[in-house]
Amino acid sequence: MIFWDVAFHDIDCNTVFTCSEDGEIWQWNCINSPAYASVLDKSSALSTGWLSNPKSCVEVESLVPSTFKMPVNCLDIRDNVLVAGTDNESIYIISPIVV
């Protein structure tokens, strides 16, 4: 799979969105569970689950139906709205996004 764009959520840095050549738009959530709390420095502005062991704490969710197969070239996220552009010059708005 080839990712065309990657964007961190503008409010929650533990959430990342990707779009790909095969038409997927994924939401990646890094869960800050107690098991990873000792790895993070809670007093730091850089406290995020991505700095711990991301392979053990990542949940991935598809935001588009499996029948959607048009390559998605770009995306942007603001608050709870995601906007994505495709090869057929369409713009898709996905809302609300829950982080």
Foldseek 3Di string as FASTA:
>chain_A
DAWQDKDAAPPANQWMWTFFQFQWIKIKGFDDDPVCVVVADVVDPPGYSVSTPRVVGIDMDTQDDPVGGFGWNDWDHYQQWIWTATPVRDIDIGDGHDD
